Amino acid sequence: MDISSLIRSLERAENDNRKFALLLILSELMKSNKLDELKPTSNTEDNEACRGLNKKLFNSIGSHFLARLITTKQTVENCSPLIFKSIAFSILTQFLDYPELIFDPILISKIDIICEIILLKSHSSDNSVKNENETAIQLEEDLVLDVFKYLFALSSYCPEHLIQSAGLLDILMHKVILNENYNKAKRLEFEKKNLHEQDPDILACKVCNFLLNTNLNNFKIV
């Protein structure tokens, strides 16, 4: 299925189940790098066409639907709510180069819930509470990484909102970066691999550093 067919199908989806099934297909195509037409190139004209196609895809999904996937707490037919959140964010990371899409008011209104997702890793990193289901653990880790990518992109566009409305700086400082459980599970792996921005710990520090600089720049003595 090509991207044009997917967009048409998403626009015509008769119910939530059909739309979600299409998003599963979309997510897999993105992960397997089979949608090159959605990726920016060095050609300005092509980039404008790419921006238009990404916008059309985003609108065919709808920010309301993405927000519902992110905020759902329902378990449907033994399907964890994390599945819905994971699919939403795996798709959202496609649009990180387009602030007008990721800074959608509907999505931003859910920023508190989005910020809470990054705390999942502080629990999953603790061996005493680790689930034996490796697939579930990987799902959780991939979700947290995608959320950090999203927050990292947002920090360039709306740092004040993330600091003041979402309390993200406080979450990062006290519950993530300074949380021993959050970091210890990845320490050895990080020493062996050059993970860079594919590692949540690195992204957490980068977001925190950016927000700290923004906060200091806005600080005035009166």
Protein backbone atom coordinates (compact mmCIF):
# COMPACT_ATOMS: atom_id res chain seq x y z
CA MET A 1 0.00 0.00 0.00
CA ASP A 2 1.49 3.37 -1.02
CA ILE A 3 1.12 6.59 0.94
CA SER A 4 -1.57 8.07 -1.33
CA SER A 5 -3.74 4.97 -0.92
CA LEU A 6 -3.20 5.07 2.84
CA ILE A 7 -4.24 8.70 3.05
CA ARG A 8 -7.39 8.02 1.05
CA SER A 9 -8.22 5.02 3.21
CA LEU A 10 -7.67 7.01 6.41
CA GLU A 11 -9.92 9.79 5.14
CA ARG A 12 -12.65 7.25 4.36
CA ALA A 13 -12.26 5.08 7.46
CA GLU A 14 -15.78 4.30 8.66
CA ASN A 15 -14.88 3.63 12.30
CA ASP A 16 -12.09 3.76 14.89
CA ASN A 17 -11.17 0.10 14.45
CA ARG A 18 -10.58 0.58 10.73
CA LYS A 19 -8.53 3.73 11.31
CA PHE A 20 -6.41 2.05 13.96
CA ALA A 21 -5.76 -0.93 11.66
CA LEU A 22 -4.55 1.49 9.00
CA LEU A 23 -2.29 3.20 11.53
CA LEU A 24 -0.73 -0.17 12.35
CA ILE A 25 0.11 -0.57 8.68
CA LEU A 26 1.42 3.00 8.50
CA SER A 27 3.61 2.48 11.56
CA GLU A 28 5.15 -0.67 10.12
CA LEU A 29 5.83 1.03 6.78
CA MET A 30 7.55 3.90 8.58
CA LYS A 31 9.69 1.55 10.69
CA SER A 32 10.78 -0.35 7.59
CA ASN A 33 11.66 2.90 5.73
CA LYS A 34 9.25 2.19 2.89
CA LEU A 35 7.80 5.70 2.68
CA ASP A 36 10.65 7.71 1.17
CA GLU A 37 8.25 10.29 -0.26
CA LEU A 38 7.59 11.50 3.30
CA LYS A 39 11.26 12.27 3.95
CA PRO A 40 12.75 15.74 3.27
CA THR A 41 15.54 16.01 0.71
CA SER A 42 18.06 18.67 -0.26
CA ASN A 43 15.78 19.84 -3.08
CA THR A 44 13.66 22.84 -2.02
CA GLU A 45 10.84 22.06 -4.44
CA ASP A 46 10.72 18.44 -3.33
CA ASN A 47 10.70 19.56 0.30
CA GLU A 48 7.61 21.69 -0.25
CA ALA A 49 5.84 18.72 -1.83
CA CYS A 50 7.04 16.57 1.08
CA ARG A 51 5.68 19.08 3.61
CA GLY A 52 2.33 19.10 1.83
CA LEU A 53 2.17 15.30 1.80
CA ASN A 54 3.04 15.08 5.50
CA LYS A 55 0.39 17.65 6.31
CA LYS A 56 -2.19 15.75 4.29
CA LEU A 57 -1.27 12.53 6.08
CA PHE A 58 -1.47 14.20 9.50
CA ASN A 59 -4.89 15.66 8.71
CA SER A 60 -6.17 12.31 7.42
CA ILE A 61 -5.30 10.79 10.82
CA GLY A 62 -6.53 13.74 12.86
CA SER A 63 -5.02 15.20 16.02
CA HIS A 64 -8.21 14.30 17.93
CA PHE A 65 -7.70 10.62 17.11
CA LEU A 66 -4.01 10.73 18.03
CA ALA A 67 -4.89 12.45 21.32
CA ARG A 68 -7.43 9.72 22.11
CA LEU A 69 -4.82 7.03 21.49
CA ILE A 70 -2.35 8.83 23.75
CA THR A 71 -4.78 9.35 26.62
CA THR A 72 -6.70 6.07 26.54
CA LYS A 73 -6.65 3.91 29.66
CA GLN A 74 -8.82 1.15 28.24
CA THR A 75 -7.66 -2.40 27.72
CA VAL A 76 -9.43 -3.75 24.66
CA GLU A 77 -9.45 -7.53 24.04
CA ASN A 78 -6.26 -8.02 26.08
CA CYS A 79 -4.64 -5.12 24.22
CA SER A 80 -2.67 -2.86 26.60
CA PRO A 81 -3.22 0.92 26.49
CA LEU A 82 0.52 1.15 25.81
CA ILE A 83 -0.11 -0.33 22.36
CA PHE A 84 -2.31 2.63 21.43
CA LYS A 85 0.15 5.15 22.84
CA SER A 86 3.06 3.45 21.12
CA ILE A 87 1.41 3.53 17.70
CA ALA A 88 0.46 7.20 18.17
CA PHE A 89 4.01 8.25 19.02
CA SER A 90 5.71 6.07 16.43
CA ILE A 91 3.65 8.00 13.88
CA LEU A 92 4.08 11.40 15.55
CA THR A 93 7.85 11.11 15.26
CA GLN A 94 7.35 11.23 11.49
CA PHE A 95 6.25 14.86 11.79
CA LEU A 96 9.01 16.25 14.04
CA ASP A 97 10.34 18.53 11.29
CA TYR A 98 6.98 20.30 11.03
CA PRO A 99 6.20 22.48 14.08
CA GLU A 100 2.76 23.39 12.77
CA LEU A 101 1.84 19.71 13.07
CA ILE A 102 3.47 18.57 16.33
CA PHE A 103 2.48 21.82 18.07
CA ASP A 104 -1.17 21.11 17.29
CA PRO A 105 -3.35 22.62 20.08
CA ILE A 106 -5.18 19.32 20.67
CA LEU A 107 -1.93 17.44 21.23
CA ILE A 108 -0.43 20.22 23.35
CA SER A 109 -3.51 20.16 25.59
CA LYS A 110 -2.48 16.59 26.55
CA ILE A 111 1.10 17.52 27.44
CA ASP A 112 0.67 16.58 31.12
CA ILE A 113 -0.28 13.03 30.16
CA ILE A 114 2.51 12.90 27.58
CA CYS A 115 5.08 13.93 30.19
CA GLU A 116 3.88 11.21 32.54
CA ILE A 117 4.78 8.56 29.96
CA ILE A 118 8.52 9.20 30.35
CA LEU A 119 8.27 8.09 33.97
CA LEU A 120 7.49 4.54 32.81
CA LYS A 121 11.19 4.02 32.25
CA SER A 122 12.08 4.79 35.85
CA HIS A 123 10.00 1.77 36.85
CA SER A 124 10.95 -0.58 34.04
CA SER A 125 14.64 0.08 34.71
CA ASP A 126 14.26 -1.30 38.22
CA ASN A 127 15.02 -5.02 38.06
CA SER A 128 12.87 -5.65 41.12
CA VAL A 129 9.71 -4.68 39.24
CA LYS A 130 10.70 -5.80 35.76
CA ASN A 131 8.09 -7.76 33.88
CA GLU A 132 9.14 -11.12 32.50
CA ASN A 133 7.49 -10.33 29.18
CA GLU A 134 10.41 -9.04 27.07
CA THR A 135 8.06 -7.90 24.29
CA ALA A 136 6.15 -5.68 26.71
CA ILE A 137 9.41 -4.25 28.07
CA GLN A 138 10.64 -3.44 24.56
CA LEU A 139 7.31 -1.82 23.72
CA GLU A 140 7.59 0.38 26.80
CA GLU A 141 11.18 1.37 26.05
CA ASP A 142 10.38 2.22 22.41
CA LEU A 143 7.41 4.30 23.55
CA VAL A 144 9.49 6.28 26.05
CA LEU A 145 12.16 6.92 23.40
CA ASP A 146 9.56 8.22 20.92
CA VAL A 147 8.03 10.47 23.59
CA PHE A 148 11.46 11.92 24.33
CA LYS A 149 11.98 12.58 20.61
CA TYR A 150 8.67 14.40 20.54
CA LEU A 151 9.47 16.46 23.66
CA PHE A 152 12.95 17.23 22.32
CA ALA A 153 11.41 18.65 19.14
CA LEU A 154 8.81 20.59 21.15
CA SER A 155 11.49 22.11 23.38
CA SER A 156 12.74 24.09 20.38
CA TYR A 157 9.30 25.53 19.67
CA CYS A 158 7.61 26.03 23.05
CA PRO A 159 10.10 25.72 25.94
CA GLU A 160 8.18 28.14 28.19
CA HIS A 161 5.01 26.06 27.86
CA LEU A 162 6.87 22.87 28.73
CA ILE A 163 8.39 24.53 31.80
CA GLN A 164 5.40 26.45 33.10
CA SER A 165 2.36 24.42 32.05
CA ALA A 166 3.73 20.88 31.95
CA GLY A 167 6.34 21.14 34.70
CA LEU A 168 8.69 19.17 32.45
CA LEU A 169 11.87 20.67 33.89
CA ASP A 170 10.93 19.52 37.38
CA ILE A 171 10.01 16.04 36.11
CA LEU A 172 13.30 15.67 34.28
CA MET A 173 15.46 16.94 37.13
CA HIS A 174 13.86 15.12 40.07
CA LYS A 175 12.26 12.01 38.60
CA VAL A 176 14.43 11.16 35.60
CA ILE A 177 18.00 12.48 35.56
CA LEU A 178 18.52 12.20 39.33
CA ASN A 179 16.63 8.91 39.58
CA GLU A 180 19.18 6.13 40.06
CA ASN A 181 16.82 3.44 38.79
CA TYR A 182 16.24 5.37 35.58
CA ASN A 183 19.90 5.40 34.60
CA LYS A 184 21.53 2.30 36.05
CA ALA A 185 19.90 -0.26 33.73
CA LYS A 186 21.27 1.49 30.63
CA ARG A 187 24.71 2.40 31.96
CA LEU A 188 26.62 -0.67 30.77
CA GLU A 189 24.77 -0.74 27.46
CA PHE A 190 25.58 2.92 26.88
CA GLU A 191 29.28 2.31 27.53
CA LYS A 192 29.32 -0.39 24.86
CA LYS A 193 27.29 1.44 22.22
CA ASN A 194 27.30 4.90 20.68
CA LEU A 195 23.56 5.49 21.13
CA HIS A 196 23.44 9.31 20.85
CA GLU A 197 19.90 10.54 20.25
CA GLN A 198 18.47 7.04 20.11
CA ASP A 199 18.88 6.78 23.87
CA PRO A 200 16.28 8.29 26.23
CA ASP A 201 18.91 9.24 28.83
CA ILE A 202 20.77 11.40 26.29
CA LEU A 203 17.55 13.03 25.09
CA ALA A 204 16.45 13.66 28.68
CA CYS A 205 19.68 15.55 29.37
CA LYS A 206 19.42 17.50 26.12
CA VAL A 207 15.82 18.56 26.77
CA CYS A 208 16.67 19.46 30.36
CA ASN A 209 19.70 21.51 29.29
CA PHE A 210 17.64 23.38 26.69
CA LEU A 211 14.86 24.15 29.17
CA LEU A 212 17.36 25.23 31.84
CA ASN A 213 18.99 27.67 29.43
CA THR A 214 15.58 29.03 28.43
CA ASN A 215 14.57 29.42 32.06
CA LEU A 216 17.80 31.25 32.95
CA ASN A 217 17.50 33.54 29.93
CA ASN A 218 13.98 34.50 31.00
CA PHE A 219 14.95 35.05 34.65
CA LYS A 220 15.09 38.71 35.70
CA ILE A 221 16.05 40.31 39.00
CA VAL A 222 13.47 42.91 40.05
